[in-house]
C-alpha atoms as a PDB file:
ATOM      1  CA  MET A   1     -41.119 -29.056   7.239  1.00  0.00           C
ATOM      2  CA  ASP A   2     -37.804 -28.666   7.535  1.00  0.00           C
ATOM      3  CA  LYS A   3     -36.351 -25.038   6.877  1.00  0.00           C
ATOM      4  CA  LYS A   4     -32.904 -25.531   6.003  1.00  0.00           C
ATOM      5  CA  GLU A   5     -30.823 -22.419   6.346  1.00  0.00           C
ATOM      6  CA  PRO A   6     -29.322 -21.337   2.979  1.00  0.00           C
ATOM      7  CA  LYS A   7     -25.286 -21.790   3.203  1.00  0.00           C
ATOM      8  CA  SER A   8     -24.009 -18.661   2.391  1.00  0.00           C
ATOM      9  CA  ARG A   9     -20.807 -18.959   2.777  1.00  0.00           C
ATOM     10  CA  GLY A  10     -20.278 -20.655  -0.457  1.00  0.00           C
ATOM     11  CA  ALA A  11     -21.976 -17.507  -2.181  1.00  0.00           C
ATOM     12  CA  THR A  12     -19.910 -14.795   0.019  1.00  0.00           C
ATOM     13  CA  ALA A  13     -16.561 -15.945  -0.466  1.00  0.00           C
ATOM     14  CA  PRO A  14     -16.255 -14.865  -3.998  1.00  0.00           C
ATOM     15  CA  ALA A  15     -17.711 -11.758  -3.001  1.00  0.00           C
ATOM     16  CA  ALA A  16     -15.424 -11.219  -0.229  1.00  0.00           C
ATOM     17  CA  GLY A  17     -12.701 -12.197  -2.270  1.00  0.00           C
ATOM     18  CA  ARG A  18     -13.623  -9.583  -5.033  1.00  0.00           C
ATOM     19  CA  SER A  19     -14.115  -7.269  -2.373  1.00  0.00           C
ATOM     20  CA  ARG A  20     -10.744  -7.813  -0.675  1.00  0.00           C
ATOM     21  CA  GLY A  21      -9.234  -7.401  -4.170  1.00  0.00           C
ATOM     22  CA  ARG A  22     -10.945  -4.511  -5.181  1.00  0.00           C
ATOM     23  CA  LEU A  23      -9.452  -2.971  -1.720  1.00  0.00           C
ATOM     24  CA  ALA A  24      -5.844  -4.578  -2.729  1.00  0.00           C
ATOM     25  CA  SER A  25      -6.190  -2.751  -5.903  1.00  0.00           C
ATOM     26  CA  LEU A  26      -7.088   0.396  -4.440  1.00  0.00           C
ATOM     27  CA  GLY A  27      -4.659   0.480  -2.057  1.00  0.00           C
ATOM     28  CA  SER A  28      -1.936   0.140  -4.184  1.00  0.00           C
ATOM     29  CA  ILE A  29      -3.012   2.601  -6.687  1.00  0.00           C
ATOM     30  CA  VAL A  30      -3.192   4.876  -3.949  1.00  0.00           C
ATOM     31  CA  GLY A  31       0.012   4.355  -2.139  1.00  0.00           C
ATOM     32  CA  ILE A  32       2.212   4.297  -5.343  1.00  0.00           C
ATOM     33  CA  GLY A  33       0.400   7.275  -6.432  1.00  0.00           C
ATOM     34  CA  GLY A  34       1.288   9.440  -2.860  1.00  0.00           C
ATOM     35  CA  THR A  35       4.685   7.741  -3.865  1.00  0.00           C
ATOM     36  CA  LEU A  36       4.789   9.425  -7.376  1.00  0.00           C
ATOM     37  CA  VAL A  37       3.545  12.577  -5.801  1.00  0.00           C
ATOM     38  CA  CYS A  38       6.304  12.581  -3.259  1.00  0.00           C
ATOM     39  CA  SER A  39       9.230  11.851  -5.586  1.00  0.00           C
ATOM     40  CA  LEU A  40       7.875  14.527  -8.791  1.00  0.00           C
ATOM     41  CA  SER A  41       7.874  17.243  -6.178  1.00  0.00           C
ATOM     42  CA  MET A  42      11.351  16.529  -5.095  1.00  0.00           C
ATOM     43  CA  VAL A  43      12.457  16.449  -8.497  1.00  0.00           C
ATOM     44  CA  ALA A  44      10.879  19.697  -9.797  1.00  0.00           C
ATOM     45  CA  VAL A  45      12.049  21.243  -6.851  1.00  0.00           C
ATOM     46  CA  ALA A  46      15.882  19.741  -7.572  1.00  0.00           C
ATOM     47  CA  VAL A  47      15.647  20.404 -11.282  1.00  0.00           C
ATOM     48  CA  GLY A  48      14.850  24.284 -10.297  1.00  0.00           C
ATOM     49  CA  LEU A  49      11.215  24.136 -11.711  1.00  0.00           C
ATOM     50  CA  PHE A  50       9.685  26.317  -8.695  1.00  0.00           C
ATOM     51  CA  VAL A  51      12.573  28.096  -7.647  1.00  0.00           C
ATOM     52  CA  ALA A  52      16.479  28.332  -8.153  1.00  0.00           C
ATOM     53  CA  GLY A  53      16.819  28.181  -4.125  1.00  0.00           C
ATOM     54  CA  GLY A  54      15.044  25.320  -4.437  1.00  0.00           C
ATOM     55  CA  THR A  55      17.734  23.797  -5.789  1.00  0.00           C
ATOM     56  CA  ALA A  56      20.445  24.256  -2.735  1.00  0.00           C
ATOM     57  CA  ALA A  57      17.840  22.537  -0.457  1.00  0.00           C
ATOM     58  CA  ALA A  58      17.226  19.666  -2.772  1.00  0.00           C
ATOM     59  CA  GLN A  59      20.863  18.766  -2.887  1.00  0.00           C
ATOM     60  CA  GLY A  60      20.553  18.733   1.440  1.00  0.00           C
ATOM     61  CA  GLY A  61      18.435  15.369   0.534  1.00  0.00           C
ATOM     62  CA  MET A  62      15.659  18.077   1.699  1.00  0.00           C
ATOM     63  CA  ALA A  63      16.118  16.725   5.269  1.00  0.00           C
ATOM     64  CA  GLY A  64      16.136  20.889   6.144  1.00  0.00           C
ATOM     65  CA  MET A  65      13.112  21.710   4.528  1.00  0.00           C
ATOM     66  CA  GLY A  66      11.107  23.030   7.143  1.00  0.00           C
ATOM     67  CA  SER A  67       9.162  26.339   7.473  1.00  0.00           C
ATOM     68  CA  GLY A  68      11.732  28.487   7.932  1.00  0.00           C
ATOM     69  CA  HIS A  69      14.062  27.418   5.768  1.00  0.00           C
ATOM     70  CA  GLN A  70      16.110  30.058   3.436  1.00  0.00           C
ATOM     71  CA  GLY A  71      14.626  30.197  -0.369  1.00  0.00           C
ATOM     72  CA  MET A  72      11.628  29.022   0.068  1.00  0.00           C
ATOM     73  CA  ALA A  73       9.680  31.894  -0.240  1.00  0.00           C
ATOM     74  CA  ASP A  74       8.961  31.781  -3.779  1.00  0.00           C
ATOM     75  CA  VAL A  75       7.950  28.749  -3.320  1.00  0.00           C
ATOM     76  CA  PRO A  76       3.884  27.926  -4.410  1.00  0.00           C
ATOM     77  CA  GLY A  77       1.714  26.649  -0.889  1.00  0.00           C
ATOM     78  CA  TRP A  78       1.271  23.224  -1.900  1.00  0.00           C
ATOM     79  CA  LEU A  79       4.425  22.262  -2.953  1.00  0.00           C
ATOM     80  CA  GLU A  80       5.829  23.765   0.806  1.00  0.00           C
ATOM     81  CA  ALA A  81       3.370  21.534   2.217  1.00  0.00           C
ATOM     82  CA  LEU A  82       4.275  18.636  -0.101  1.00  0.00           C
ATOM     83  CA  LEU A  83       7.756  19.108   0.448  1.00  0.00           C
ATOM     84  CA  ARG A  84       7.407  19.747   4.441  1.00  0.00           C
ATOM     85  CA  PHE A  85       4.761  16.606   4.636  1.00  0.00           C
ATOM     86  CA  GLY A  86       6.651  14.543   2.009  1.00  0.00           C
ATOM     87  CA  PRO A  87       8.173  11.843   4.618  1.00  0.00           C
ATOM     88  CA  VAL A  88       5.100  11.347   6.479  1.00  0.00           C
ATOM     89  CA  ILE A  89       3.334  11.077   2.996  1.00  0.00           C
ATOM     90  CA  LEU A  90       6.146   8.641   1.558  1.00  0.00           C
ATOM     91  CA  ILE A  91       5.672   6.186   4.967  1.00  0.00           C
ATOM     92  CA  VAL A  92       2.473   6.006   4.493  1.00  0.00           C
ATOM     93  CA  SER A  93       2.014   5.584   1.319  1.00  0.00           C
ATOM     94  CA  VAL A  94       4.685   2.768   1.392  1.00  0.00           C
ATOM     95  CA  LEU A  95       2.890   0.882   4.253  1.00  0.00           C
ATOM     96  CA  LEU A  96      -0.059   1.330   2.283  1.00  0.00           C
ATOM     97  CA  VAL A  97       1.458  -0.790  -0.807  1.00  0.00           C
ATOM     98  CA  ALA A  98       2.678  -3.547   1.149  1.00  0.00           C
ATOM     99  CA  ALA A  99      -0.584  -3.760   3.614  1.00  0.00           C
ATOM    100  CA  SER A 100      -2.376  -4.311  -0.088  1.00  0.00           C
ATOM    101  CA  VAL A 101       0.148  -6.497  -1.915  1.00  0.00           C
ATOM    102  CA  THR A 102       0.144  -8.548   1.646  1.00  0.00           C
ATOM    103  CA  LEU A 103      -3.837  -8.763   1.292  1.00  0.00           C
ATOM    104  CA  ARG A 104      -2.940 -10.869  -2.279  1.00  0.00           C
ATOM    105  CA  ARG A 105       0.576 -12.028  -1.849  1.00  0.00           C
ATOM    106  CA  ARG A 106       2.912 -12.260   1.298  1.00  0.00           C
ATOM    107  CA  LEU A 107       5.752 -11.848  -0.360  1.00  0.00           C
ATOM    108  CA  ALA A 108       4.817  -9.076  -3.008  1.00  0.00           C
ATOM    109  CA  ALA A 109       5.356  -7.390   0.832  1.00  0.00           C
ATOM    110  CA  LEU A 110       9.081  -7.619   0.408  1.00  0.00           C
ATOM    111  CA  PRO A 111       9.845  -5.951  -2.653  1.00  0.00           C
ATOM    112  CA  ALA A 112       7.621  -3.009  -2.054  1.00  0.00           C
ATOM    113  CA  ILE A 113       9.300  -2.412   1.474  1.00  0.00           C
ATOM    114  CA  SER A 114      12.728  -2.584  -0.027  1.00  0.00           C
ATOM    115  CA  GLY A 115      11.071  -0.156  -2.637  1.00  0.00           C
ATOM    116  CA  GLY A 116       9.836   2.055   0.191  1.00  0.00           C
ATOM    117  CA  LEU A 117      13.546   1.965   1.998  1.00  0.00           C
ATOM    118  CA  ILE A 118      15.147   2.802  -0.658  1.00  0.00           C
ATOM    119  CA  LEU A 119      13.109   5.971  -1.723  1.00  0.00           C
ATOM    120  CA  TYR A 120      12.840   7.182   1.562  1.00  0.00           C
ATOM    121  CA  VAL A 121      16.750   6.923   2.059  1.00  0.00           C
ATOM    122  CA  GLY A 122      17.302   8.283  -1.595  1.00  0.00           C
ATOM    123  CA  MET A 123      15.002  11.168  -0.856  1.00  0.00           C
ATOM    124  CA  TYR A 124      15.363  12.303   2.581  1.00  0.00           C
ATOM    125  CA  ALA A 125      18.915  10.811   4.318  1.00  0.00           C
ATOM    126  CA  GLN A 126      21.494  11.751   1.636  1.00  0.00           C
ATOM    127  CA  PRO A 127      22.507  14.750  -0.485  1.00  0.00           C
ATOM    128  CA  ASN A 128      23.537  13.648  -4.055  1.00  0.00           C
ATOM    129  CA  LEU A 129      21.053  14.529  -6.365  1.00  0.00           C
ATOM    130  CA  ALA A 130      22.289  11.304  -9.043  1.00  0.00           C
ATOM    131  CA  LEU A 131      21.589   9.154  -6.126  1.00  0.00           C
ATOM    132  CA  MET A 132      17.841  10.668  -5.167  1.00  0.00           C
ATOM    133  CA  TYR A 133      17.083   9.941  -9.031  1.00  0.00           C
ATOM    134  CA  ALA A 134      18.522   6.809  -9.408  1.00  0.00           C
ATOM    135  CA  ALA A 135      16.442   5.935  -6.100  1.00  0.00           C
ATOM    136  CA  ILE A 136      13.168   6.983  -6.981  1.00  0.00           C
ATOM    137  CA  VAL A 137      13.495   4.986 -10.059  1.00  0.00           C
ATOM    138  CA  VAL A 138      14.382   1.855  -8.705  1.00  0.00           C
ATOM    139  CA  GLY A 139      12.455   2.577  -5.224  1.00  0.00           C
ATOM    140  CA  THR A 140       8.890   3.248  -7.549  1.00  0.00           C
ATOM    141  CA  VAL A 141      10.167   0.221  -9.949  1.00  0.00           C
ATOM    142  CA  LEU A 142       9.883  -2.290  -6.779  1.00  0.00           C
ATOM    143  CA  LEU A 143       6.960  -0.620  -5.608  1.00  0.00           C
ATOM    144  CA  VAL A 144       4.902  -1.443  -9.299  1.00  0.00           C
ATOM    145  CA  VAL A 145       6.806  -4.989  -9.498  1.00  0.00           C
ATOM    146  CA  ALA A 146       5.264  -5.699  -5.880  1.00  0.00           C
ATOM    147  CA  TYR A 147       1.823  -4.489  -7.210  1.00  0.00           C
ATOM    148  CA  GLY A 148       2.270  -6.683 -10.406  1.00  0.00           C
ATOM    149  CA  ALA A 149       3.220  -9.679  -8.175  1.00  0.00           C
ATOM    150  CA  SER A 150       0.306  -9.663  -6.102  1.00  0.00           C
ATOM    151  CA  LEU A 151      -1.831  -9.458  -8.970  1.00  0.00           C
ATOM    152  CA  ARG A 152      -0.359 -12.760 -10.485  1.00  0.00           C
ATOM    153  CA  PRO A 153      -2.641 -15.997  -9.452  1.00  0.00           C
ATOM    154  CA  THR A 154      -1.369 -18.761  -7.377  1.00  0.00           C
ATOM    155  CA  THR A 155      -0.735 -22.099  -8.172  1.00  0.00           C
ATOM    156  CA  LYS A 156      -3.440 -23.003  -6.153  1.00  0.00           C
ATOM    157  CA  GLU A 157      -6.322 -20.564  -8.418  1.00  0.00           C
ATOM    158  CA  VAL A 158      -4.797 -21.672 -11.726  1.00  0.00           C
ATOM    159  CA  GLY A 159      -5.451 -25.174 -10.961  1.00  0.00           C
ATOM    160  CA  ARG A 160      -9.090 -24.387  -9.891  1.00  0.00           C
ATOM    161  CA  ARG A 161      -9.906 -22.303 -12.878  1.00  0.00           C
ATOM    162  CA  ALA A 162      -8.250 -24.977 -15.433  1.00  0.00           C
ATOM    163  CA  MET A 163     -11.034 -27.640 -13.807  1.00  0.00           C
END
């Protein structure tokens, strides 16, 4: 009797594709969530939801939000930690979104990276609050567009499904 090995490549290829798709979705959602947390914490301090002194710090682009900053005594500990580590959280979140959308579509990485740059510059590299708010909106929209673009099927996938 001639025993033939079953072809597992055909059986695992769709499973690997689904697994990769789930990983990409999870990475995108976690990354976009991280950018939203950073953005909302900046807005919360900027509009004075936690302390009046936070507004003065927000007008400096949050660049000087170190541990020895004046006027940070009334800020809750979790918010102070979020503001201190915000730039790192934002960078990691944007890289996570970019990597996740690249798993599905390479061109979708362009709006993700652009949105991340706009978010970072808008929140941490310039002092104007109006520009910060606009950068948060534009950057977040670009990240969501990148995620949405990565979900669209390619023309090859559409042709296969039609058959």
